Amino acid sequence: MTKDVLVKITGAHLMEGETENLSVITGGNYYYKNGKHYVIYEELMDEDGGVIRNTIKAGSDEVDIIKSGGTRAHMMFRVHETNVSCYITPYGQMMIGVATDRIRISEEEDKLHIQIDYTLEINYESATQCQIDIEVCSKATAKLNLND
């Protein structure tokens, strides 16, 4: 895969019988180092125009999502583990836990696909069932669509 990539992130949260979906496509950078995939991209914060730098680090059976900037967090996904971390936003901070049920990672020549199913806990209380789907494609060959 090339360094210049497009990143499509689709998330679904099921809470109290209602599903909330979000989807975004953005440009980013890809690296493969020491047996791990690294995807780095930025997102703009709506409130003040600040930038959040996101790093996704994926190994064969684990994924870390690290946010820095206006929002800071380090979410660790390990199957059958619950990992707790502090999620810091401009409005305050909260303890979040992710209890990972499943991680699937598939790779092709110009594409990386990561799927994670987990339960999100906020301040030590189960909040919602979640699924995140991350597709990373070389910009030159990307065929991503928000409606897929």
N, C-alpha and C. Protein backbone atom coordinates (compact mmCIF):
# COMPACT_ATOMS: atom_id res chain seq x y z
N MET A 1 0.85 -1.17 0.00
CA MET A 1 0.00 0.00 0.00
C MET A 1 0.90 1.24 0.00
N THR A 2 0.42 2.29 -0.61
CA THR A 2 1.19 3.53 -0.67
C THR A 2 1.06 4.29 0.64
N LYS A 3 1.91 5.29 0.82
CA LYS A 3 1.86 6.13 2.02
C LYS A 3 0.60 6.97 2.04
N ASP A 4 0.22 7.57 0.91
CA ASP A 4 -0.97 8.42 0.83
C ASP A 4 -2.21 7.56 0.68
N VAL A 5 -3.11 7.65 1.66
CA VAL A 5 -4.29 6.78 1.67
C VAL A 5 -5.56 7.60 1.92
N LEU A 6 -6.67 6.96 1.61
CA LEU A 6 -7.97 7.44 2.05
C LEU A 6 -8.45 6.50 3.15
N VAL A 7 -9.05 7.08 4.16
CA VAL A 7 -9.52 6.33 5.32
C VAL A 7 -11.02 6.52 5.43
N LYS A 8 -11.76 5.41 5.43
CA LYS A 8 -13.21 5.46 5.64
C LYS A 8 -13.50 4.80 6.98
N ILE A 9 -14.15 5.55 7.86
CA ILE A 9 -14.51 5.02 9.17
C ILE A 9 -16.02 5.05 9.29
N THR A 10 -16.59 3.90 9.58
CA THR A 10 -18.02 3.78 9.78
C THR A 10 -18.23 3.21 11.18
N GLY A 11 -19.09 3.85 11.94
CA GLY A 11 -19.35 3.39 13.29
C GLY A 11 -20.84 3.24 13.52
N ALA A 12 -21.19 2.27 14.34
CA ALA A 12 -22.59 2.06 14.72
C ALA A 12 -22.64 1.85 16.22
N HIS A 13 -23.57 2.56 16.88
CA HIS A 13 -23.78 2.45 18.32
C HIS A 13 -25.22 2.06 18.56
N LEU A 14 -25.45 0.97 19.27
CA LEU A 14 -26.79 0.52 19.60
C LEU A 14 -27.03 0.79 21.08
N MET A 15 -27.95 1.74 21.35
CA MET A 15 -28.23 2.13 22.72
C MET A 15 -29.72 2.24 22.92
N GLU A 16 -30.24 1.50 23.88
CA GLU A 16 -31.67 1.53 24.22
C GLU A 16 -32.54 1.29 22.99
N GLY A 17 -32.13 0.30 22.17
CA GLY A 17 -32.93 -0.08 21.01
C GLY A 17 -32.79 0.82 19.81
N GLU A 18 -32.02 1.88 19.89
CA GLU A 18 -31.82 2.80 18.77
C GLU A 18 -30.39 2.70 18.27
N THR A 19 -30.23 2.77 16.96
CA THR A 19 -28.90 2.71 16.36
C THR A 19 -28.50 4.08 15.84
N GLU A 20 -27.31 4.50 16.21
CA GLU A 20 -26.75 5.75 15.72
C GLU A 20 -25.56 5.39 14.83
N ASN A 21 -25.57 5.84 13.59
CA ASN A 21 -24.49 5.55 12.65
C ASN A 21 -23.73 6.82 12.31
N LEU A 22 -22.45 6.66 12.06
CA LEU A 22 -21.66 7.77 11.56
C LEU A 22 -20.68 7.23 10.54
N SER A 23 -20.35 8.07 9.57
CA SER A 23 -19.44 7.65 8.52
C SER A 23 -18.64 8.85 8.05
N VAL A 24 -17.35 8.66 7.83
CA VAL A 24 -16.49 9.75 7.38
C VAL A 24 -15.40 9.16 6.47
N ILE A 25 -15.01 9.95 5.48
CA ILE A 25 -13.87 9.60 4.63
C ILE A 25 -12.90 10.78 4.69
N THR A 26 -11.62 10.48 4.90
CA THR A 26 -10.62 11.53 4.99
C THR A 26 -9.28 11.01 4.45
N GLY A 27 -8.39 11.91 4.16
CA GLY A 27 -7.05 11.54 3.72
C GLY A 27 -6.16 11.25 4.91
N GLY A 28 -5.15 10.44 4.69
CA GLY A 28 -4.23 10.11 5.77
C GLY A 28 -2.95 9.51 5.26
N ASN A 29 -2.15 9.01 6.16
CA ASN A 29 -0.88 8.38 5.85
C ASN A 29 -0.85 6.97 6.42
N TYR A 30 -0.20 6.07 5.70
CA TYR A 30 -0.10 4.66 6.09
C TYR A 30 1.36 4.26 6.19
N TYR A 31 1.68 3.47 7.23
CA TYR A 31 3.01 2.91 7.40
C TYR A 31 2.87 1.48 7.89
N TYR A 32 3.82 0.65 7.57
CA TYR A 32 3.90 -0.70 8.12
C TYR A 32 5.28 -0.83 8.76
N LYS A 33 5.30 -1.08 10.06
CA LYS A 33 6.57 -1.12 10.78
C LYS A 33 6.50 -2.15 11.90
N ASN A 34 7.52 -2.99 12.01
CA ASN A 34 7.62 -4.00 13.07
C ASN A 34 6.36 -4.86 13.18
N GLY A 35 5.81 -5.26 12.04
CA GLY A 35 4.66 -6.16 12.03
C GLY A 35 3.33 -5.50 12.36
N LYS A 36 3.28 -4.18 12.37
CA LYS A 36 2.05 -3.46 12.69
C LYS A 36 1.72 -2.44 11.60
N HIS A 37 0.43 -2.26 11.37
CA HIS A 37 -0.07 -1.25 10.44
C HIS A 37 -0.31 0.04 11.22
N TYR A 38 0.12 1.17 10.66
CA TYR A 38 -0.12 2.48 11.27
C TYR A 38 -0.89 3.33 10.27
N VAL A 39 -1.98 3.92 10.71
CA VAL A 39 -2.76 4.84 9.90
C VAL A 39 -2.90 6.13 10.70
N ILE A 40 -2.50 7.24 10.11
CA ILE A 40 -2.54 8.53 10.79
C ILE A 40 -3.38 9.48 9.96
N TYR A 41 -4.36 10.12 10.61
CA TYR A 41 -5.22 11.08 9.93
C TYR A 41 -5.69 12.13 10.92
N GLU A 42 -6.18 13.24 10.40
CA GLU A 42 -6.67 14.32 11.24
C GLU A 42 -8.15 14.54 11.02
N GLU A 43 -8.82 14.99 12.08
CA GLU A 43 -10.22 15.37 11.96
C GLU A 43 -10.39 16.74 12.62
N LEU A 44 -11.30 17.53 12.07
CA LEU A 44 -11.57 18.86 12.62
C LEU A 44 -12.65 18.77 13.68
N MET A 45 -12.46 19.52 14.75
CA MET A 45 -13.49 19.61 15.78
C MET A 45 -14.48 20.69 15.36
N ASP A 46 -15.76 20.40 15.43
CA ASP A 46 -16.78 21.35 15.02
C ASP A 46 -16.81 22.61 15.89
N GLU A 47 -16.62 22.43 17.20
CA GLU A 47 -16.81 23.53 18.13
C GLU A 47 -15.88 24.71 17.90
N ASP A 48 -14.59 24.46 17.83
CA ASP A 48 -13.63 25.56 17.77
C ASP A 48 -12.68 25.48 16.58
N GLY A 49 -12.91 24.54 15.68
CA GLY A 49 -12.03 24.41 14.53
C GLY A 49 -10.70 23.77 14.84
N GLY A 50 -10.53 23.28 16.06
CA GLY A 50 -9.29 22.60 16.43
C GLY A 50 -9.14 21.29 15.68
N VAL A 51 -7.96 20.72 15.78
CA VAL A 51 -7.65 19.48 15.05
C VAL A 51 -7.37 18.36 16.05
N ILE A 52 -7.90 17.19 15.74
CA ILE A 52 -7.59 15.98 16.50
C ILE A 52 -6.74 15.09 15.59
N ARG A 53 -5.58 14.70 16.06
CA ARG A 53 -4.70 13.79 15.31
C ARG A 53 -5.00 12.38 15.79
N ASN A 54 -5.35 11.50 14.87
CA ASN A 54 -5.70 10.12 15.19
C ASN A 54 -4.62 9.18 14.65
N THR A 55 -4.24 8.23 15.46
CA THR A 55 -3.31 7.19 15.04
C THR A 55 -3.97 5.84 15.32
N ILE A 56 -4.07 5.02 14.29
CA ILE A 56 -4.57 3.66 14.45
C ILE A 56 -3.37 2.73 14.30
N LYS A 57 -3.17 1.89 15.29
CA LYS A 57 -2.07 0.91 15.26
C LYS A 57 -2.71 -0.47 15.34
N ALA A 58 -2.54 -1.27 14.28
CA ALA A 58 -3.20 -2.58 14.23
C ALA A 58 -2.17 -3.69 14.06
N GLY A 59 -2.24 -4.66 14.97
CA GLY A 59 -1.43 -5.86 14.87
C GLY A 59 -2.33 -7.02 14.49
N SER A 60 -1.86 -8.22 14.62
CA SER A 60 -2.64 -9.38 14.17
C SER A 60 -3.90 -9.60 15.01
N ASP A 61 -3.86 -9.24 16.30
CA ASP A 61 -5.02 -9.49 17.16
C ASP A 61 -5.30 -8.35 18.14
N GLU A 62 -4.83 -7.16 17.81
CA GLU A 62 -5.05 -6.01 18.68
C GLU A 62 -5.04 -4.73 17.86
N VAL A 63 -5.81 -3.74 18.35
CA VAL A 63 -5.88 -2.45 17.68
C VAL A 63 -5.86 -1.36 18.76
N ASP A 64 -5.06 -0.33 18.54
CA ASP A 64 -5.05 0.85 19.40
C ASP A 64 -5.50 2.04 18.56
N ILE A 65 -6.35 2.87 19.16
CA ILE A 65 -6.72 4.14 18.54
C ILE A 65 -6.30 5.23 19.52
N ILE A 66 -5.41 6.09 19.05
CA ILE A 66 -4.84 7.14 19.90
C ILE A 66 -5.26 8.49 19.33
N LYS A 67 -5.88 9.31 20.18
CA LYS A 67 -6.31 10.65 19.78
C LYS A 67 -5.47 11.66 20.55
N SER A 68 -5.02 12.71 19.85
CA SER A 68 -4.29 13.78 20.52
C SER A 68 -4.73 15.11 19.93
N GLY A 69 -4.59 16.15 20.72
CA GLY A 69 -5.05 17.48 20.30
C GLY A 69 -6.17 17.93 21.22
N GLY A 70 -7.23 18.52 20.67
CA GLY A 70 -8.36 19.01 21.47
C GLY A 70 -9.06 17.92 22.24
N THR A 71 -9.04 16.70 21.74
CA THR A 71 -9.55 15.53 22.43
C THR A 71 -8.41 14.54 22.54
N ARG A 72 -8.25 13.95 23.74
CA ARG A 72 -7.16 13.00 23.94
C ARG A 72 -7.70 11.70 24.52
N ALA A 73 -7.24 10.60 23.96
CA ALA A 73 -7.64 9.27 24.45
C ALA A 73 -6.70 8.23 23.87
N HIS A 74 -6.64 7.09 24.54
CA HIS A 74 -5.92 5.93 24.03
C HIS A 74 -6.83 4.73 24.28
N MET A 75 -7.51 4.31 23.23
CA MET A 75 -8.44 3.19 23.32
C MET A 75 -7.71 1.93 22.84
N MET A 76 -7.68 0.92 23.70
CA MET A 76 -7.00 -0.34 23.37
C MET A 76 -8.04 -1.43 23.21
N PHE A 77 -8.02 -2.08 22.05
CA PHE A 77 -8.94 -3.16 21.74
C PHE A 77 -8.18 -4.48 21.75
N ARG A 78 -8.52 -5.36 22.69
CA ARG A 78 -7.94 -6.68 22.82
C ARG A 78 -9.12 -7.64 23.03
N VAL A 79 -9.23 -8.68 22.24
CA VAL A 79 -10.38 -9.59 22.32
C VAL A 79 -10.49 -10.19 23.72
N HIS A 80 -11.71 -10.18 24.24
CA HIS A 80 -12.06 -10.72 25.56
C HIS A 80 -11.36 -10.00 26.70
N GLU A 81 -10.99 -8.73 26.48
CA GLU A 81 -10.42 -7.89 27.54
C GLU A 81 -11.21 -6.60 27.61
N THR A 82 -11.25 -6.02 28.80
CA THR A 82 -11.80 -4.68 28.97
C THR A 82 -10.65 -3.76 29.33
N ASN A 83 -10.45 -2.72 28.55
CA ASN A 83 -9.39 -1.76 28.79
C ASN A 83 -10.01 -0.41 29.10
N VAL A 84 -9.57 0.20 30.19
CA VAL A 84 -10.13 1.46 30.67
C VAL A 84 -9.10 2.56 30.45
N SER A 85 -9.58 3.72 29.99
CA SER A 85 -8.70 4.87 29.80
C SER A 85 -9.49 6.16 30.03
N CYS A 86 -8.76 7.23 30.13
CA CYS A 86 -9.37 8.54 30.33
C CYS A 86 -9.58 9.20 28.96
N TYR A 87 -10.79 9.67 28.71
CA TYR A 87 -11.14 10.34 27.46
C TYR A 87 -11.29 11.82 27.80
N ILE A 88 -10.40 12.65 27.29
CA ILE A 88 -10.36 14.07 27.64
C ILE A 88 -10.88 14.89 26.47
N THR A 89 -11.90 15.70 26.73
CA THR A 89 -12.50 16.57 25.71
C THR A 89 -12.43 18.01 26.20
N PRO A 90 -12.73 18.99 25.34
CA PRO A 90 -12.77 20.37 25.80
C PRO A 90 -13.83 20.62 26.89
N TYR A 91 -14.78 19.70 27.03
CA TYR A 91 -15.87 19.87 28.01
C TYR A 91 -15.62 19.13 29.31
N GLY A 92 -14.53 18.41 29.40
CA GLY A 92 -14.23 17.65 30.60
C GLY A 92 -13.70 16.28 30.24
N GLN A 93 -13.56 15.45 31.25
CA GLN A 93 -13.03 14.12 31.01
C GLN A 93 -13.93 13.06 31.62
N MET A 94 -13.83 11.84 31.09
CA MET A 94 -14.59 10.72 31.60
C MET A 94 -13.75 9.46 31.44
N MET A 95 -14.05 8.49 32.25
CA MET A 95 -13.40 7.20 32.13
C MET A 95 -14.22 6.37 31.14
N ILE A 96 -13.54 5.82 30.15
CA ILE A 96 -14.23 4.94 29.20
C ILE A 96 -13.55 3.58 29.20
N GLY A 97 -14.36 2.57 29.02
CA GLY A 97 -13.84 1.22 28.91
C GLY A 97 -14.34 0.61 27.61
N VAL A 98 -13.50 -0.20 27.00
CA VAL A 98 -13.92 -0.94 25.82
C VAL A 98 -13.71 -2.42 26.10
N ALA A 99 -14.82 -3.15 26.05
CA ALA A 99 -14.79 -4.61 26.22
C ALA A 99 -14.93 -5.19 24.82
N THR A 100 -13.83 -5.68 24.28
CA THR A 100 -13.78 -6.11 22.88
C THR A 100 -14.29 -7.53 22.72
N ASP A 101 -15.27 -7.69 21.82
CA ASP A 101 -15.81 -9.01 21.52
C ASP A 101 -15.11 -9.67 20.34
N ARG A 102 -14.79 -8.85 19.31
CA ARG A 102 -14.23 -9.44 18.09
C ARG A 102 -13.41 -8.39 17.34
N ILE A 103 -12.30 -8.84 16.77
CA ILE A 103 -11.47 -8.02 15.88
C ILE A 103 -11.22 -8.85 14.63
N ARG A 104 -11.47 -8.24 13.46
CA ARG A 104 -11.14 -8.89 12.19
C ARG A 104 -10.28 -7.91 11.39
N ILE A 105 -9.15 -8.40 10.93
CA ILE A 105 -8.25 -7.58 10.12
C ILE A 105 -7.95 -8.35 8.85
N SER A 106 -8.20 -7.72 7.70
CA SER A 106 -7.85 -8.34 6.43
C SER A 106 -7.04 -7.33 5.62
N GLU A 107 -6.10 -7.85 4.88
CA GLU A 107 -5.26 -6.96 4.08
C GLU A 107 -5.09 -7.50 2.67
N GLU A 108 -5.09 -6.56 1.75
CA GLU A 108 -4.81 -6.84 0.34
C GLU A 108 -3.68 -5.91 -0.08
N GLU A 109 -3.30 -5.98 -1.33
CA GLU A 109 -2.16 -5.18 -1.81
C GLU A 109 -2.35 -3.69 -1.54
N ASP A 110 -3.52 -3.15 -1.85
CA ASP A 110 -3.77 -1.72 -1.69
C ASP A 110 -4.91 -1.42 -0.74
N LYS A 111 -5.19 -2.35 0.20
CA LYS A 111 -6.33 -2.14 1.08
C LYS A 111 -6.12 -2.84 2.42
N LEU A 112 -6.53 -2.16 3.48
CA LEU A 112 -6.53 -2.72 4.82
C LEU A 112 -7.94 -2.54 5.37
N HIS A 113 -8.51 -3.59 5.96
CA HIS A 113 -9.87 -3.54 6.48
C HIS A 113 -9.85 -4.03 7.92
N ILE A 114 -10.34 -3.19 8.84
CA ILE A 114 -10.37 -3.52 10.27
C ILE A 114 -11.80 -3.41 10.75
N GLN A 115 -12.29 -4.45 11.41
CA GLN A 115 -13.63 -4.42 12.00
C GLN A 115 -13.51 -4.80 13.47
N ILE A 116 -14.17 -4.01 14.32
CA ILE A 116 -14.12 -4.24 15.77
C ILE A 116 -15.53 -4.18 16.32
N ASP A 117 -15.92 -5.20 17.09
CA ASP A 117 -17.18 -5.21 17.82
C ASP A 117 -16.84 -5.10 19.30
N TYR A 118 -17.48 -4.15 20.00
CA TYR A 118 -17.14 -3.94 21.41
C TYR A 118 -18.31 -3.31 22.17
N THR A 119 -18.22 -3.39 23.48
CA THR A 119 -19.15 -2.70 24.36
C THR A 119 -18.43 -1.51 24.95
N LEU A 120 -19.05 -0.36 24.86
CA LEU A 120 -18.48 0.87 25.41
C LEU A 120 -19.04 1.09 26.80
N GLU A 121 -18.15 1.34 27.74
CA GLU A 121 -18.54 1.66 29.11
C GLU A 121 -18.12 3.10 29.39
N ILE A 122 -19.01 3.86 30.02
CA ILE A 122 -18.69 5.24 30.38
C ILE A 122 -18.81 5.35 31.90
N ASN A 123 -17.73 5.81 32.51
CA ASN A 123 -17.65 5.90 33.97
C ASN A 123 -18.07 4.59 34.63
N TYR A 124 -17.57 3.50 34.10
CA TYR A 124 -17.72 2.14 34.62
C TYR A 124 -19.14 1.57 34.51
N GLU A 125 -19.98 2.16 33.67
CA GLU A 125 -21.31 1.62 33.42
C GLU A 125 -21.44 1.29 31.95
N SER A 126 -21.98 0.10 31.65
CA SER A 126 -22.18 -0.31 30.26
C SER A 126 -23.11 0.68 29.58
N ALA A 127 -22.66 1.21 28.46
CA ALA A 127 -23.44 2.25 27.79
C ALA A 127 -24.04 1.78 26.47
N THR A 128 -23.25 1.15 25.63
CA THR A 128 -23.74 0.85 24.29
C THR A 128 -22.92 -0.24 23.61
N GLN A 129 -23.57 -1.00 22.74
CA GLN A 129 -22.88 -1.96 21.88
C GLN A 129 -22.41 -1.18 20.65
N CYS A 130 -21.19 -1.41 20.23
CA CYS A 130 -20.61 -0.63 19.14
C CYS A 130 -19.92 -1.53 18.12
N GLN A 131 -19.85 -1.00 16.92
CA GLN A 131 -19.07 -1.63 15.87
C GLN A 131 -18.37 -0.52 15.11
N ILE A 132 -17.09 -0.70 14.86
CA ILE A 132 -16.34 0.25 14.06
C ILE A 132 -15.74 -0.51 12.88
N ASP A 133 -15.84 0.10 11.72
CA ASP A 133 -15.35 -0.49 10.48
C ASP A 133 -14.40 0.52 9.85
N ILE A 134 -13.15 0.13 9.67
CA ILE A 134 -12.13 1.03 9.12
C ILE A 134 -11.61 0.44 7.83
N GLU A 135 -11.74 1.20 6.75
CA GLU A 135 -11.17 0.80 5.46
C GLU A 135 -10.08 1.79 5.09
N VAL A 136 -8.92 1.29 4.74
CA VAL A 136 -7.79 2.12 4.33
C VAL A 136 -7.38 1.67 2.94
N CYS A 137 -7.37 2.61 1.99
CA CYS A 137 -7.02 2.29 0.60
C CYS A 137 -6.01 3.30 0.07
N SER A 138 -5.12 2.83 -0.79
CA SER A 138 -4.22 3.75 -1.48
C SER A 138 -5.04 4.77 -2.25
N LYS A 139 -4.67 6.04 -2.19
CA LYS A 139 -5.44 7.08 -2.88
C LYS A 139 -5.58 6.79 -4.37
N ALA A 140 -4.53 6.26 -4.97
CA ALA A 140 -4.55 6.03 -6.41
C ALA A 140 -5.58 5.00 -6.85
N THR A 141 -5.91 4.06 -5.97
CA THR A 141 -6.83 2.98 -6.36
C THR A 141 -8.13 2.96 -5.53
N ALA A 142 -8.30 3.95 -4.66
CA ALA A 142 -9.44 3.94 -3.73
C ALA A 142 -10.77 4.07 -4.46
N LYS A 143 -11.71 3.26 -4.01
CA LYS A 143 -13.09 3.32 -4.49
C LYS A 143 -13.98 3.25 -3.24
N LEU A 144 -13.99 4.36 -2.48
CA LEU A 144 -14.75 4.41 -1.24
C LEU A 144 -15.99 5.27 -1.45
N ASN A 145 -17.08 4.90 -0.76
CA ASN A 145 -18.33 5.61 -0.86
C ASN A 145 -18.97 5.65 0.51
N LEU A 146 -19.48 6.80 0.92
CA LEU A 146 -20.10 6.92 2.24
C LEU A 146 -21.37 6.08 2.35
N ASN A 147 -21.98 5.74 1.23
CA ASN A 147 -23.25 5.01 1.27
C ASN A 147 -23.09 3.50 1.25
N ASP A 148 -21.85 2.98 1.22
CA ASP A 148 -21.64 1.51 1.21
C ASP A 148 -21.99 0.91 2.55
